[in-house]
Amino acid sequence: ECEKRDPKKLYEKARRGEIKNFTGIDSPYEPPKHPDLTIRSDRLSVE
């Protein structure tokens, strides 16, 4: 979903190798194991 949105076209550039060490593509993202709050932004409106 983040790639689908890609407002800055960063994922597109990372997939083409134009951006290195991009989180989620060639650099890891470690999700919180015990966050204080989780917001599913793909399911909720901003409001």
All heavy atoms as atom14 arrays in JSON, in Angstrom:
{
  "sequence": "ECEKRDPKKLYEKARRGEIKNFTGIDSPYEPPKHPDLTIRSDRLSVE",
  "atom14_mask": [
    [1, 1, 1, 1, 1, 1, 1, 1, 1, 0, 0, 0, 0, 0],
    [1, 1, 1, 1, 1, 1, 0, 0, 0, 0, 0, 0, 0, 0],
    [1, 1, 1, 1, 1, 1, 1, 1, 1, 0, 0, 0, 0, 0],
    [1, 1, 1, 1, 1, 1, 1, 1, 1, 0, 0, 0, 0, 0],
    [1, 1, 1, 1, 1, 1, 1, 1, 1, 1, 1, 0, 0, 0],
    [1, 1, 1, 1, 1, 1, 1, 1, 0, 0, 0, 0, 0, 0],
    [1, 1, 1, 1, 1, 1, 1, 0, 0, 0, 0, 0, 0, 0],
    [1, 1, 1, 1, 1, 1, 1, 1, 1, 0, 0, 0, 0, 0],
    [1, 1, 1, 1, 1, 1, 1, 1, 1, 0, 0, 0, 0, 0],
    [1, 1, 1, 1, 1, 1, 1, 1, 0, 0, 0, 0, 0, 0],
    [1, 1, 1, 1, 1, 1, 1, 1, 1, 1, 1, 1, 0, 0],
    [1, 1, 1, 1, 1, 1, 1, 1, 1, 0, 0, 0, 0, 0],
    [1, 1, 1, 1, 1, 1, 1, 1, 1, 0, 0, 0, 0, 0],
    [1, 1, 1, 1, 1, 0, 0, 0, 0, 0, 0, 0, 0, 0],
    [1, 1, 1, 1, 1, 1, 1, 1, 1, 1, 1, 0, 0, 0],
    [1, 1, 1, 1, 1, 1, 1, 1, 1, 1, 1, 0, 0, 0],
    [1, 1, 1, 1, 0, 0, 0, 0, 0, 0, 0, 0, 0, 0],
    [1, 1, 1, 1, 1, 1, 1, 1, 1, 0, 0, 0, 0, 0],
    [1, 1, 1, 1, 1, 1, 1, 1, 0, 0, 0, 0, 0, 0],
    [1, 1, 1, 1, 1, 1, 1, 1, 1, 0, 0, 0, 0, 0],
    [1, 1, 1, 1, 1, 1, 1, 1, 0, 0, 0, 0, 0, 0],
    [1, 1, 1, 1, 1, 1, 1, 1, 1, 1, 1, 0, 0, 0],
    [1, 1, 1, 1, 1, 1, 1, 0, 0, 0, 0, 0, 0, 0],
    [1, 1, 1, 1, 0, 0, 0, 0, 0, 0, 0, 0, 0, 0],
    [1, 1, 1, 1, 1, 1, 1, 1, 0, 0, 0, 0, 0, 0],
    [1, 1, 1, 1, 1, 1, 1, 1, 0, 0, 0, 0, 0, 0],
    [1, 1, 1, 1, 1, 1, 0, 0, 0, 0, 0, 0, 0, 0],
    [1, 1, 1, 1, 1, 1, 1, 0, 0, 0, 0, 0, 0, 0],
    [1, 1, 1, 1, 1, 1, 1, 1, 1, 1, 1, 1, 0, 0],
    [1, 1, 1, 1, 1, 1, 1, 1, 1, 0, 0, 0, 0, 0],
    [1, 1, 1, 1, 1, 1, 1, 0, 0, 0, 0, 0, 0, 0],
    [1, 1, 1, 1, 1, 1, 1, 0, 0, 0, 0, 0, 0, 0],
    [1, 1, 1, 1, 1, 1, 1, 1, 1, 0, 0, 0, 0, 0],
    [1, 1, 1, 1, 1, 1, 1, 1, 1, 1, 0, 0, 0, 0],
    [1, 1, 1, 1, 1, 1, 1, 0, 0, 0, 0, 0, 0, 0],
    [1, 1, 1, 1, 1, 1, 1, 1, 0, 0, 0, 0, 0, 0],
    [1, 1, 1, 1, 1, 1, 1, 1, 0, 0, 0, 0, 0, 0],
    [1, 1, 1, 1, 1, 1, 1, 0, 0, 0, 0, 0, 0, 0],
    [1, 1, 1, 1, 1, 1, 1, 1, 0, 0, 0, 0, 0, 0],
    [1, 1, 1, 1, 1, 1, 1, 1, 1, 1, 1, 0, 0, 0],
    [1, 1, 1, 1, 1, 1, 0, 0, 0, 0, 0, 0, 0, 0],
    [1, 1, 1, 1, 1, 1, 1, 1, 0, 0, 0, 0, 0, 0],
    [1, 1, 1, 1, 1, 1, 1, 1, 1, 1, 1, 0, 0, 0],
    [1, 1, 1, 1, 1, 1, 1, 1, 0, 0, 0, 0, 0, 0],
    [1, 1, 1, 1, 1, 1, 0, 0, 0, 0, 0, 0, 0, 0],
    [1, 1, 1, 1, 1, 1, 1, 0, 0, 0, 0, 0, 0, 0],
    [1, 1, 1, 1, 1, 1, 1, 1, 1, 0, 0, 0, 0, 0]
  ],
  "atom14_positions": [
    [[0.83, -1.21, 0.0], [0.0, 0.0, 0.0], [0.86, 1.25, 0.0], [0.55, 2.24, -0.68], [-0.92, 0.0, 1.22], [-1.79, 1.24, 1.37], [-2.77, 1.45, 0.22], [-3.11, 0.46, -0.46], [-3.18, 2.61, 0.01], [0.0, 0.0, 0.0], [0.0, 0.0, 0.0], [0.0, 0.0, 0.0], [0.0, 0.0, 0.0], [0.0, 0.0, 0.0]],
    [[1.96, 1.23, 0.74], [2.88, 2.37, 0.76], [3.46, 2.61, -0.63], [3.58, 3.76, -1.08], [4.01, 2.14, 1.76], [3.49, 2.15, 3.49], [0.0, 0.0, 0.0], [0.0, 0.0, 0.0], [0.0, 0.0, 0.0], [0.0, 0.0, 0.0], [0.0, 0.0, 0.0], [0.0, 0.0, 0.0], [0.0, 0.0, 0.0], [0.0, 0.0, 0.0]],
    [[3.81, 1.52, -1.3], [4.35, 1.64, -2.67], [3.28, 2.15, -3.63], [3.56, 2.92, -4.56], [4.88, 0.3, -3.15], [6.19, -0.11, -2.52], [6.95, -1.13, -3.35], [7.39, -0.77, -4.47], [7.11, -2.26, -2.88], [0.0, 0.0, 0.0], [0.0, 0.0, 0.0], [0.0, 0.0, 0.0], [0.0, 0.0, 0.0], [0.0, 0.0, 0.0]],
    [[2.05, 1.74, -3.41], [0.95, 2.19, -4.26], [0.74, 3.69, -4.12], [0.5, 4.4, -5.1], [-0.33, 1.43, -3.88], [-1.53, 1.77, -4.73], [-2.73, 0.96, -4.27], [-3.99, 1.35, -5.05], [-5.17, 0.58, -4.58], [0.0, 0.0, 0.0], [0.0, 0.0, 0.0], [0.0, 0.0, 0.0], [0.0, 0.0, 0.0], [0.0, 0.0, 0.0]],
    [[0.85, 4.17, -2.88], [0.69, 5.6, -2.63], [1.89, 6.36, -3.19], [1.75, 7.27, -3.98], [0.58, 5.87, -1.13], [-0.63, 5.26, -0.45], [-0.57, 5.48, 1.05], [-1.71, 4.91, 1.75], [-1.85, 4.99, 3.08], [-0.95, 5.61, 3.82], [-2.91, 4.45, 3.65], [0.0, 0.0, 0.0], [0.0, 0.0, 0.0], [0.0, 0.0, 0.0]],
    [[3.07, 6.0, -2.69], [4.37, 6.56, -3.12], [4.28, 8.02, -3.54], [4.61, 8.37, -4.68], [4.93, 5.72, -4.27], [6.46, 5.85, -4.4], [7.09, 6.44, -3.5], [7.01, 5.36, -5.39], [0.0, 0.0, 0.0], [0.0, 0.0, 0.0], [0.0, 0.0, 0.0], [0.0, 0.0, 0.0], [0.0, 0.0, 0.0], [0.0, 0.0, 0.0]],
    [[3.87, 8.92, -2.62], [3.66, 10.32, -2.99], [4.91, 11.03, -3.51], [4.81, 11.97, -4.3], [3.16, 10.96, -1.69], [3.7, 10.07, -0.61], [3.66, 8.69, -1.19], [0.0, 0.0, 0.0], [0.0, 0.0, 0.0], [0.0, 0.0, 0.0], [0.0, 0.0, 0.0], [0.0, 0.0, 0.0], [0.0, 0.0, 0.0], [0.0, 0.0, 0.0]],
    [[6.08, 10.59, -3.06], [7.33, 11.24, -3.48], [8.07, 10.44, -4.56], [9.18, 10.8, -4.94], [8.25, 11.42, -2.27], [7.62, 12.18, -1.11], [8.52, 12.13, 0.12], [7.83, 12.68, 1.35], [8.66, 12.52, 2.58], [0.0, 0.0, 0.0], [0.0, 0.0, 0.0], [0.0, 0.0, 0.0], [0.0, 0.0, 0.0], [0.0, 0.0, 0.0]],
    [[7.45, 9.34, -5.01], [8.06, 8.46, -6.03], [9.39, 7.88, -5.56], [10.27, 7.56, -6.37], [8.27, 9.23, -7.35], [7.0, 9.84, -7.91], [5.95, 8.79, -8.22], [4.69, 9.42, -8.79], [3.6, 8.42, -8.99], [0.0, 0.0, 0.0], [0.0, 0.0, 0.0], [0.0, 0.0, 0.0], [0.0, 0.0, 0.0], [0.0, 0.0, 0.0]],
    [[9.52, 7.71, -4.25], [10.78, 7.2, -3.7], [10.91, 5.69, -3.9], [12.0, 5.18, -4.19], [10.87, 7.55, -2.21], [10.88, 9.05, -1.88], [10.92, 9.26, -0.38], [12.08, 9.72, -2.55], [0.0, 0.0, 0.0], [0.0, 0.0, 0.0], [0.0, 0.0, 0.0], [0.0, 0.0, 0.0], [0.0, 0.0, 0.0], [0.0, 0.0, 0.0]],
    [[9.82, 4.98, -3.7], [9.88, 3.52, -3.91], [10.23, 3.21, -5.38], [11.01, 2.31, -5.67], [8.55, 2.87, -3.55], [8.31, 2.77, -2.07], [7.45, 3.64, -1.42], [8.95, 1.78, -1.31], [7.22, 3.56, -0.06], [8.73, 1.68, 0.06], [7.86, 2.58, 0.68], [7.65, 2.48, 2.03], [0.0, 0.0, 0.0], [0.0, 0.0, 0.0]],
    [[9.63, 3.98, -6.27], [9.89, 3.79, -7.69], [11.38, 3.98, -7.99], [11.98, 3.17, -8.72], [9.06, 4.81, -8.48], [9.1, 4.66, -9.97], [8.22, 5.68, -10.67], [7.04, 5.8, -10.28], [8.72, 6.35, -11.6], [0.0, 0.0, 0.0], [0.0, 0.0, 0.0], [0.0, 0.0, 0.0], [0.0, 0.0, 0.0], [0.0, 0.0, 0.0]],
    [[11.97, 5.01, -7.39], [13.39, 5.26, -7.6], [14.24, 4.17, -6.94], [15.25, 3.74, -7.5], [13.77, 6.64, -7.06], [13.15, 7.8, -7.83], [13.52, 9.13, -7.2], [12.89, 10.29, -7.96], [13.2, 11.6, -7.32], [0.0, 0.0, 0.0], [0.0, 0.0, 0.0], [0.0, 0.0, 0.0], [0.0, 0.0, 0.0], [0.0, 0.0, 0.0]],
    [[13.82, 3.73, -5.76], [14.57, 2.68, -5.05], [14.54, 1.37, -5.83], [15.55, 0.66, -5.92], [14.0, 2.49, -3.66], [0.0, 0.0, 0.0], [0.0, 0.0, 0.0], [0.0, 0.0, 0.0], [0.0, 0.0, 0.0], [0.0, 0.0, 0.0], [0.0, 0.0, 0.0], [0.0, 0.0, 0.0], [0.0, 0.0, 0.0], [0.0, 0.0, 0.0]],
    [[13.4, 1.06, -6.4], [13.29, -0.18, -7.19], [14.2, -0.13, -8.42], [14.69, -1.17, -8.87], [11.84, -0.38, -7.63], [10.86, -0.72, -6.51], [11.09, -2.09, -5.96], [10.04, -2.48, -5.01], [10.09, -3.57, -4.27], [11.13, -4.39, -4.35], [9.11, -3.85, -3.43], [0.0, 0.0, 0.0], [0.0, 0.0, 0.0], [0.0, 0.0, 0.0]],
    [[14.43, 1.07, -8.93], [15.3, 1.23, -10.1], [16.77, 1.34, -9.7], [17.64, 1.45, -10.55], [14.9, 2.47, -10.9], [13.55, 2.39, -11.58], [13.44, 3.43, -12.7], [13.64, 4.78, -12.21], [12.66, 5.63, -11.91], [11.39, 5.25, -12.03], [12.92, 6.85, -11.49], [0.0, 0.0, 0.0], [0.0, 0.0, 0.0], [0.0, 0.0, 0.0]],
    [[17.03, 1.33, -8.4], [18.41, 1.42, -7.92], [18.95, 2.83, -7.84], [20.15, 3.03, -7.61], [0.0, 0.0, 0.0], [0.0, 0.0, 0.0], [0.0, 0.0, 0.0], [0.0, 0.0, 0.0], [0.0, 0.0, 0.0], [0.0, 0.0, 0.0], [0.0, 0.0, 0.0], [0.0, 0.0, 0.0], [0.0, 0.0, 0.0], [0.0, 0.0, 0.0]],
    [[18.07, 3.82, -8.0], [18.51, 5.22, -7.96], [18.69, 5.73, -6.53], [19.39, 6.71, -6.29], [17.49, 6.11, -8.69], [17.39, 5.8, -10.18], [16.28, 6.58, -10.86], [15.79, 7.57, -10.25], [15.89, 6.23, -11.98], [0.0, 0.0, 0.0], [0.0, 0.0, 0.0], [0.0, 0.0, 0.0], [0.0, 0.0, 0.0], [0.0, 0.0, 0.0]],
    [[18.04, 5.07, -5.58], [18.19, 5.4, -4.16], [18.67, 4.15, -3.44], [18.07, 3.08, -3.57], [16.85, 5.87, -3.54], [16.32, 7.11, -4.26], [17.04, 6.16, -2.05], [14.97, 7.57, -3.74], [0.0, 0.0, 0.0], [0.0, 0.0, 0.0], [0.0, 0.0, 0.0], [0.0, 0.0, 0.0], [0.0, 0.0, 0.0], [0.0, 0.0, 0.0]],
    [[19.77, 4.28, -2.7], [20.31, 3.16, -1.95], [19.9, 3.25, -0.48], [19.59, 4.32, 0.03], [21.84, 3.15, -2.06], [22.36, 3.06, -3.5], [21.95, 1.76, -4.17], [22.54, 1.66, -5.57], [22.08, 0.43, -6.27], [0.0, 0.0, 0.0], [0.0, 0.0, 0.0], [0.0, 0.0, 0.0], [0.0, 0.0, 0.0], [0.0, 0.0, 0.0]],
    [[19.93, 2.12, 0.2], [19.61, 2.04, 1.62], [18.21, 2.58, 1.9], [17.97, 3.29, 2.88], [20.63, 2.81, 2.47], [22.03, 2.27, 2.32], [22.24, 1.06, 2.37], [23.0, 3.15, 2.12], [0.0, 0.0, 0.0], [0.0, 0.0, 0.0], [0.0, 0.0, 0.0], [0.0, 0.0, 0.0], [0.0, 0.0, 0.0], [0.0, 0.0, 0.0]],
    [[17.26, 2.23, 1.04], [15.89, 2.71, 1.22], [15.1, 1.71, 2.05], [15.01, 0.52, 1.72], [15.21, 2.92, -0.14], [13.91, 3.66, -0.03], [13.88, 5.03, 0.12], [12.71, 2.97, -0.07], [12.68, 5.71, 0.23], [11.5, 3.65, 0.04], [11.49, 5.03, 0.19], [0.0, 0.0, 0.0], [0.0, 0.0, 0.0], [0.0, 0.0, 0.0]],
    [[14.52, 2.21, 3.13], [13.81, 1.34, 4.07], [12.65, 0.61, 3.39], [11.82, 1.22, 2.72], [13.27, 2.17, 5.25], [14.35, 2.83, 5.89], [12.57, 1.27, 6.26], [0.0, 0.0, 0.0], [0.0, 0.0, 0.0], [0.0, 0.0, 0.0], [0.0, 0.0, 0.0], [0.0, 0.0, 0.0], [0.0, 0.0, 0.0], [0.0, 0.0, 0.0]],
    [[12.62, -0.69, 3.61], [11.58, -1.52, 3.04], [11.98, -2.16, 1.73], [11.34, -3.12, 1.29], [0.0, 0.0, 0.0], [0.0, 0.0, 0.0], [0.0, 0.0, 0.0], [0.0, 0.0, 0.0], [0.0, 0.0, 0.0], [0.0, 0.0, 0.0], [0.0, 0.0, 0.0], [0.0, 0.0, 0.0], [0.0, 0.0, 0.0], [0.0, 0.0, 0.0]],
    [[13.03, -1.64, 1.09], [13.5, -2.19, -0.18], [14.85, -2.87, 0.0], [14.96, -4.08, -0.08], [13.58, -1.11, -1.28], [12.21, -0.43, -1.45], [14.04, -1.73, -2.61], [11.09, -1.36, -1.83], [0.0, 0.0, 0.0], [0.0, 0.0, 0.0], [0.0, 0.0, 0.0], [0.0, 0.0, 0.0], [0.0, 0.0, 0.0], [0.0, 0.0, 0.0]],
    [[15.9, -2.09, 0.27], [17.21, -2.7, 0.5], [17.78, -2.34, 1.86], [18.97, -2.5, 2.12], [18.2, -2.35, -0.62], [18.39, -0.85, -0.79], [17.66, -0.08, -0.14], [19.28, -0.45, -1.56], [0.0, 0.0, 0.0], [0.0, 0.0, 0.0], [0.0, 0.0, 0.0], [0.0, 0.0, 0.0], [0.0, 0.0, 0.0], [0.0, 0.0, 0.0]],
    [[16.92, -1.84, 2.74], [17.3, -1.58, 4.13], [16.1, -1.98, 5.0], [14.95, -1.7, 4.62], [17.64, -0.1, 4.33], [18.11, 0.14, 5.65], [0.0, 0.0, 0.0], [0.0, 0.0, 0.0], [0.0, 0.0, 0.0], [0.0, 0.0, 0.0], [0.0, 0.0, 0.0], [0.0, 0.0, 0.0], [0.0, 0.0, 0.0], [0.0, 0.0, 0.0]],
    [[16.34, -2.68, 6.11], [15.22, -3.24, 6.87], [14.43, -2.21, 7.68], [14.93, -1.15, 8.04], [15.92, -4.22, 7.82], [17.28, -3.63, 8.03], [17.65, -3.02, 6.7], [0.0, 0.0, 0.0], [0.0, 0.0, 0.0], [0.0, 0.0, 0.0], [0.0, 0.0, 0.0], [0.0, 0.0, 0.0], [0.0, 0.0, 0.0], [0.0, 0.0, 0.0]],
    [[13.18, -2.55, 7.94], [12.36, -1.81, 8.91], [11.95, -2.79, 9.99], [11.43, -3.88, 9.69], [11.1, -1.22, 8.26], [10.22, -0.53, 9.28], [10.57, 0.71, 9.8], [9.09, -1.16, 9.79], [9.81, 1.32, 10.77], [8.31, -0.56, 10.77], [8.67, 0.68, 11.25], [7.92, 1.28, 12.24], [0.0, 0.0, 0.0], [0.0, 0.0, 0.0]],
    [[12.2, -2.43, 11.24], [11.87, -3.29, 12.38], [10.62, -2.73, 13.07], [10.71, -1.76, 13.81], [13.04, -3.34, 13.35], [14.31, -3.9, 12.73], [15.54, -3.75, 13.61], [15.42, -3.19, 14.72], [16.62, -4.19, 13.17], [0.0, 0.0, 0.0], [0.0, 0.0, 0.0], [0.0, 0.0, 0.0], [0.0, 0.0, 0.0], [0.0, 0.0, 0.0]],
    [[9.46, -3.34, 12.82], [8.22, -2.84, 13.42], [8.27, -2.94, 14.94], [8.9, -3.85, 15.5], [7.14, -3.78, 12.86], [7.76, -4.44, 11.69], [9.23, -4.53, 11.99], [0.0, 0.0, 0.0], [0.0, 0.0, 0.0], [0.0, 0.0, 0.0], [0.0, 0.0, 0.0], [0.0, 0.0, 0.0], [0.0, 0.0, 0.0], [0.0, 0.0, 0.0]],
    [[7.63, -2.01, 15.65], [7.58, -2.11, 17.12], [6.89, -3.4, 17.55], [5.86, -3.76, 16.98], [6.75, -0.88, 17.52], [6.81, 0.04, 16.35], [6.93, -0.83, 15.14], [0.0, 0.0, 0.0], [0.0, 0.0, 0.0], [0.0, 0.0, 0.0], [0.0, 0.0, 0.0], [0.0, 0.0, 0.0], [0.0, 0.0, 0.0], [0.0, 0.0, 0.0]],
    [[7.46, -4.07, 18.53], [6.84, -5.29, 19.05], [5.75, -4.96, 20.05], [4.75, -5.67, 20.16], [7.91, -6.18, 19.69], [8.9, -6.77, 18.7], [9.89, -7.69, 19.38], [10.85, -8.31, 18.37], [11.84, -9.21, 19.02], [0.0, 0.0, 0.0], [0.0, 0.0, 0.0], [0.0, 0.0, 0.0], [0.0, 0.0, 0.0], [0.0, 0.0, 0.0]],
    [[5.95, -3.86, 20.78], [4.97, -3.48, 21.79], [4.73, -1.97, 21.74], [5.04, -1.23, 22.7], [5.45, -3.89, 23.18], [5.77, -5.35, 23.31], [4.79, -6.33, 23.32], [6.96, -6.01, 23.41], [5.36, -7.51, 23.43], [6.67, -7.35, 23.48], [0.0, 0.0, 0.0], [0.0, 0.0, 0.0], [0.0, 0.0, 0.0], [0.0, 0.0, 0.0]],
    [[4.17, -1.47, 20.65], [3.92, -0.02, 20.56], [2.87, 0.4, 21.58], [2.04, -0.42, 22.01], [3.42, 0.16, 19.13], [2.81, -1.17, 18.78], [3.68, -2.19, 19.47], [0.0, 0.0, 0.0], [0.0, 0.0, 0.0], [0.0, 0.0, 0.0], [0.0, 0.0, 0.0], [0.0, 0.0, 0.0], [0.0, 0.0, 0.0], [0.0, 0.0, 0.0]],
    [[2.9, 1.65, 21.96], [1.89, 2.17, 22.88], [0.54, 2.3, 22.19], [-0.51, 2.21, 22.83], [2.34, 3.52, 23.43], [3.61, 3.4, 24.25], [3.56, 2.81, 25.35], [4.67, 3.86, 23.79], [0.0, 0.0, 0.0], [0.0, 0.0, 0.0], [0.0, 0.0, 0.0], [0.0, 0.0, 0.0], [0.0, 0.0, 0.0], [0.0, 0.0, 0.0]],
    [[0.59, 2.49, 20.88], [-0.63, 2.6, 20.09], [-0.3, 2.22, 18.64], [0.77, 2.58, 18.14], [-1.18, 4.03, 20.14], [-2.47, 4.32, 19.35], [-3.65, 3.55, 19.95], [-2.76, 5.81, 19.34], [0.0, 0.0, 0.0], [0.0, 0.0, 0.0], [0.0, 0.0, 0.0], [0.0, 0.0, 0.0], [0.0, 0.0, 0.0], [0.0, 0.0, 0.0]],
    [[-1.2, 1.5, 18.0], [-1.04, 1.17, 16.59], [-2.19, 1.79, 15.8], [-3.35, 1.66, 16.18], [-1.04, -0.35, 16.36], [0.1, -0.93, 17.02], [-0.97, -0.69, 14.88], [0.0, 0.0, 0.0], [0.0, 0.0, 0.0], [0.0, 0.0, 0.0], [0.0, 0.0, 0.0], [0.0, 0.0, 0.0], [0.0, 0.0, 0.0], [0.0, 0.0, 0.0]],
    [[-1.84, 2.47, 14.73], [-2.83, 3.06, 13.84], [-2.71, 2.38, 12.48], [-1.67, 2.47, 11.83], [-2.61, 4.59, 13.68], [-2.77, 5.31, 15.02], [-3.55, 5.16, 12.62], [-4.17, 5.28, 15.59], [0.0, 0.0, 0.0], [0.0, 0.0, 0.0], [0.0, 0.0, 0.0], [0.0, 0.0, 0.0], [0.0, 0.0, 0.0], [0.0, 0.0, 0.0]],
    [[-3.75, 1.7, 12.06], [-3.76, 1.07, 10.73], [-4.2, 2.12, 9.72], [-5.39, 2.3, 9.47], [-4.69, -0.14, 10.73], [-4.1, -1.38, 11.39], [-2.86, -1.9, 10.67], [-3.07, -2.18, 9.26], [-3.31, -3.39, 8.78], [-3.36, -4.44, 9.59], [-3.48, -3.57, 7.48], [0.0, 0.0, 0.0], [0.0, 0.0, 0.0], [0.0, 0.0, 0.0]],
    [[-3.23, 2.79, 9.15], [-3.55, 3.91, 8.27], [-4.14, 3.48, 6.93], [-4.65, 4.31, 6.18], [-2.3, 4.77, 8.03], [-1.27, 4.02, 7.43], [0.0, 0.0, 0.0], [0.0, 0.0, 0.0], [0.0, 0.0, 0.0], [0.0, 0.0, 0.0], [0.0, 0.0, 0.0], [0.0, 0.0, 0.0], [0.0, 0.0, 0.0], [0.0, 0.0, 0.0]],
    [[-4.06, 2.18, 6.63], [-4.69, 1.68, 5.4], [-6.17, 1.37, 5.62], [-6.91, 1.14, 4.66], [-3.97, 0.45, 4.88], [-3.99, -0.71, 5.88], [-3.9, -0.45, 7.1], [-4.08, -1.87, 5.44], [0.0, 0.0, 0.0], [0.0, 0.0, 0.0], [0.0, 0.0, 0.0], [0.0, 0.0, 0.0], [0.0, 0.0, 0.0], [0.0, 0.0, 0.0]],
    [[-6.59, 1.38, 6.87], [-7.98, 1.04, 7.19], [-8.78, 2.22, 7.75], [-10.01, 2.21, 7.71], [-8.02, -0.11, 8.21], [-7.4, -1.4, 7.71], [-7.45, -2.47, 8.79], [-6.83, -3.72, 8.34], [-6.67, -4.8, 9.11], [-7.1, -4.76, 10.38], [-6.09, -5.89, 8.63], [0.0, 0.0, 0.0], [0.0, 0.0, 0.0], [0.0, 0.0, 0.0]],
    [[-8.07, 3.2, 8.3], [-8.74, 4.34, 8.93], [-8.59, 5.6, 8.09], [-7.56, 5.81, 7.45], [-8.15, 4.6, 10.32], [-8.24, 3.48, 11.36], [-7.51, 3.9, 12.63], [-9.69, 3.14, 11.66], [0.0, 0.0, 0.0], [0.0, 0.0, 0.0], [0.0, 0.0, 0.0], [0.0, 0.0, 0.0], [0.0, 0.0, 0.0], [0.0, 0.0, 0.0]],
    [[-9.6, 6.44, 8.12], [-9.47, 7.76, 7.51], [-8.6, 8.61, 8.43], [-8.34, 8.24, 9.59], [-10.85, 8.41, 7.37], [-11.39, 8.72, 8.65], [0.0, 0.0, 0.0], [0.0, 0.0, 0.0], [0.0, 0.0, 0.0], [0.0, 0.0, 0.0], [0.0, 0.0, 0.0], [0.0, 0.0, 0.0], [0.0, 0.0, 0.0], [0.0, 0.0, 0.0]],
    [[-8.14, 9.74, 7.94], [-7.33, 10.64, 8.78], [-8.14, 11.04, 10.0], [-7.62, 11.04, 11.13], [-6.89, 11.88, 7.98], [-6.24, 12.9, 8.9], [-5.93, 11.49, 6.86], [0.0, 0.0, 0.0], [0.0, 0.0, 0.0], [0.0, 0.0, 0.0], [0.0, 0.0, 0.0], [0.0, 0.0, 0.0], [0.0, 0.0, 0.0], [0.0, 0.0, 0.0]],
    [[-9.41, 11.37, 9.82], [-10.25, 11.81, 10.93], [-10.41, 10.7, 11.97], [-10.35, 10.96, 13.18], [-11.63, 12.23, 10.42], [-11.63, 13.49, 9.56], [-11.07, 13.26, 8.16], [-11.0, 12.09, 7.71], [-10.7, 14.26, 7.51], [0.0, 0.0, 0.0], [0.0, 0.0, 0.0], [0.0, 0.0, 0.0], [0.0, 0.0, 0.0], [0.0, 0.0, 0.0]]
  ]
}
